[in-house]
Amino acid sequence: MRNSAKRPLTGLRDLQPILMLAPMLSAAMFWGVWTLSAPEAQAAIVTDRERASFTLCGEGPRINCIVDGDTLYYQGVKIRIADIDTPETNPPRCAQEASLGKAATQRLLQLANAAPFTLQGIDRDEDRYGRKLRVLTRGGQSLGRVLVDEGLARWYQGGRRPWC
């Protein structure tokens, strides 16, 4: 009966299968056919092309302005940021909601003006109020996440939930 225990690798002869593949792998990497980087790293290379100088919405035409923490106008189109929910500002239901809503609105203004962004569509184009439903991203990452991480928003799960 043969000894079924595996012997340790001891020399170049044991590495021969690997060494035979090395030139092919090197060529594939050189020509960009195959990479060693993770798919997530490659997916994050996104070209954000949208950009505007946003203000807070007020009286008059609404072209590029922030309504509240999850609603903005971009190129005259009203957009609801689809992945988050922020406190109401008009009208707030309590002092805490008013304070958080104002902070979320100011933060969205900062984020929208910071650098180019992308407006990604979701499975529905519009909500029942006629607002376009989009996820605001930069570099492939949701800017809503910033608001959630800072305690100014929560992930949208449908319907209205109180902030008070």
Protein backbone atom coordinates (compact mmCIF):
# COMPACT_ATOMS: atom_id res chain seq x y z
CA MET A 1 0.00 0.00 0.00
CA ARG A 2 1.31 3.41 -0.95
CA ASN A 3 1.96 6.14 1.55
CA SER A 4 -0.86 8.63 0.93
CA ALA A 5 0.75 11.46 2.92
CA LYS A 6 1.64 14.43 0.73
CA ARG A 7 5.28 15.29 0.50
CA PRO A 8 6.39 18.90 0.93
CA LEU A 9 7.43 21.02 -2.06
CA THR A 10 11.18 20.72 -2.34
CA GLY A 11 12.48 22.14 -5.58
CA LEU A 12 11.96 23.86 -8.92
CA ARG A 13 10.44 20.70 -10.33
CA ASP A 14 7.54 21.11 -7.91
CA LEU A 15 7.02 24.70 -9.08
CA GLN A 16 7.08 23.82 -12.80
CA PRO A 17 3.29 24.11 -13.34
CA ILE A 18 3.29 27.58 -11.80
CA LEU A 19 6.36 28.70 -13.69
CA MET A 20 4.78 27.63 -16.97
CA LEU A 21 1.79 29.90 -16.32
CA ALA A 22 3.83 32.95 -15.29
CA PRO A 23 4.54 34.27 -18.84
CA MET A 24 0.88 33.95 -19.81
CA LEU A 25 -0.34 35.72 -16.66
CA SER A 26 2.23 38.48 -17.13
CA ALA A 27 1.14 39.04 -20.73
CA ALA A 28 -2.54 39.07 -19.74
CA MET A 29 -1.89 41.65 -17.06
CA PHE A 30 0.25 43.76 -19.41
CA TRP A 31 -2.45 43.85 -22.10
CA GLY A 32 -5.19 44.55 -19.54
CA VAL A 33 -7.04 41.26 -20.05
CA TRP A 34 -6.74 40.32 -16.41
CA THR A 35 -5.95 42.34 -13.28
CA LEU A 36 -5.19 41.54 -9.70
CA SER A 37 -7.36 44.34 -8.34
CA ALA A 38 -10.74 43.74 -6.77
CA PRO A 39 -13.88 44.36 -8.87
CA GLU A 40 -15.07 46.92 -6.29
CA ALA A 41 -11.97 49.02 -6.86
CA GLN A 42 -12.52 49.02 -10.60
CA ALA A 43 -16.24 49.79 -10.25
CA ALA A 44 -15.44 52.87 -8.15
CA ILE A 45 -13.76 54.51 -11.15
CA VAL A 46 -16.73 56.54 -12.24
CA THR A 47 -16.77 59.74 -14.24
CA ASP A 48 -19.14 62.17 -12.54
CA ARG A 49 -20.26 64.67 -15.14
CA GLU A 50 -23.05 66.67 -13.52
CA ARG A 51 -22.17 69.97 -11.89
CA ALA A 52 -23.98 73.14 -10.90
CA SER A 53 -23.72 76.06 -8.55
CA PHE A 54 -26.54 75.33 -6.08
CA THR A 55 -28.25 77.81 -3.79
CA LEU A 56 -31.10 77.36 -1.34
CA CYS A 57 -34.47 77.51 -3.09
CA GLY A 58 -36.42 80.68 -2.50
CA GLU A 59 -38.84 82.81 -4.43
CA GLY A 60 -38.50 82.93 -8.19
CA PRO A 61 -37.39 80.32 -10.71
CA ARG A 62 -35.96 77.09 -9.36
CA ILE A 63 -33.14 76.03 -11.64
CA ASN A 64 -30.29 74.68 -9.46
CA CYS A 65 -31.30 74.86 -5.83
CA ILE A 66 -31.77 72.79 -2.69
CA VAL A 67 -35.33 72.49 -1.35
CA ASP A 68 -34.49 70.40 1.72
CA GLY A 69 -32.22 67.53 2.74
CA ASP A 70 -33.62 65.08 0.17
CA THR A 71 -35.04 67.27 -2.61
CA LEU A 72 -33.34 69.56 -5.11
CA TYR A 73 -33.82 71.19 -8.47
CA TYR A 74 -31.20 70.46 -11.10
CA GLN A 75 -31.44 72.18 -14.47
CA GLY A 76 -35.03 73.08 -13.58
CA VAL A 77 -36.07 69.47 -12.83
CA LYS A 78 -37.31 68.62 -9.34
CA ILE A 79 -35.47 65.58 -7.99
CA ARG A 80 -36.20 63.48 -4.92
CA ILE A 81 -33.06 61.74 -3.63
CA ALA A 82 -34.42 58.22 -3.67
CA ASP A 83 -32.25 56.38 -1.17
CA ILE A 84 -32.71 58.63 1.88
CA ASP A 85 -35.34 60.38 3.96
CA THR A 86 -34.56 63.60 5.83
CA PRO A 87 -36.58 65.61 8.34
CA GLU A 88 -39.29 67.88 6.97
CA THR A 89 -38.60 71.60 6.85
CA ASN A 90 -41.90 72.89 5.49
CA PRO A 91 -43.59 72.46 7.86
CA PRO A 92 -41.59 70.67 10.55
CA ARG A 93 -43.66 68.87 13.19
CA CYS A 94 -41.44 69.77 16.16
CA ALA A 95 -38.35 71.82 17.07
CA GLN A 96 -36.03 68.81 16.76
CA GLU A 97 -37.27 68.05 13.24
CA ALA A 98 -36.85 71.72 12.27
CA SER A 99 -33.26 71.76 13.53
CA LEU A 100 -32.28 68.46 11.88
CA GLY A 101 -34.07 69.43 8.65
CA LYS A 102 -32.20 72.72 8.44
CA ALA A 103 -28.87 70.97 9.09
CA ALA A 104 -29.63 68.31 6.44
CA THR A 105 -30.54 71.01 3.92
CA GLN A 106 -27.30 72.92 4.56
CA ARG A 107 -25.24 69.74 4.35
CA LEU A 108 -26.83 68.71 1.04
CA LEU A 109 -26.02 72.19 -0.28
CA GLN A 110 -22.36 71.67 0.67
CA LEU A 111 -22.22 68.16 -0.81
CA ALA A 112 -23.92 69.15 -4.08
CA ASN A 113 -21.53 72.07 -4.59
CA ALA A 114 -18.34 70.22 -3.59
CA ALA A 115 -17.55 68.46 -6.89
CA PRO A 116 -19.16 66.84 -9.94
CA PHE A 117 -21.76 64.18 -9.23
CA THR A 118 -24.00 61.63 -10.93
CA LEU A 119 -27.77 61.23 -10.73
CA GLN A 120 -28.48 57.50 -10.94
CA GLY A 121 -31.94 56.28 -11.84
CA ILE A 122 -33.76 53.62 -9.87
CA ASP A 123 -36.53 51.17 -10.81
CA ARG A 124 -39.11 54.03 -10.98
CA ASP A 125 -38.61 57.28 -12.84
CA GLU A 126 -40.97 59.49 -10.79
CA ASP A 127 -42.83 59.54 -7.50
CA ARG A 128 -46.52 60.35 -7.13
CA TYR A 129 -45.70 64.07 -6.87
CA GLY A 130 -43.95 64.13 -10.25
CA ARG A 131 -40.45 64.40 -8.79
CA LYS A 132 -37.71 62.46 -10.58
CA LEU A 133 -36.34 59.69 -8.36
CA ARG A 134 -32.55 59.57 -8.40
CA VAL A 135 -29.64 58.54 -6.18
CA LEU A 136 -27.04 61.30 -5.90
CA THR A 137 -23.55 59.77 -6.12
CA ARG A 138 -19.94 60.82 -6.36
CA GLY A 139 -17.27 58.32 -7.33
CA GLY A 140 -19.91 55.60 -7.34
CA GLN A 141 -20.82 56.20 -3.68
CA SER A 142 -24.15 57.55 -2.45
CA LEU A 143 -23.96 61.07 -1.01
CA GLY A 144 -27.04 60.09 0.98
CA ARG A 145 -24.75 57.80 2.95
CA VAL A 146 -22.87 60.88 4.17
CA LEU A 147 -26.12 62.33 5.51
CA VAL A 148 -27.07 59.00 7.10
CA ASP A 149 -23.63 58.59 8.66
CA GLU A 150 -23.85 62.13 10.07
CA GLY A 151 -27.29 61.48 11.60
CA LEU A 152 -29.06 63.92 9.26
CA ALA A 153 -30.96 61.30 7.25
CA ARG A 154 -32.08 57.69 7.35
CA TRP A 155 -32.29 55.14 4.56
CA TYR A 156 -35.63 55.47 2.77
CA GLN A 157 -37.90 52.48 3.43
CA GLY A 158 -41.15 53.80 1.99
CA GLY A 159 -43.88 55.83 3.62
CA ARG A 160 -43.59 58.55 6.21
CA ARG A 161 -42.08 57.98 9.61
CA PRO A 162 -41.97 60.64 12.30
CA TRP A 163 -38.82 62.51 13.30
CA CYS A 164 -40.33 63.84 16.53
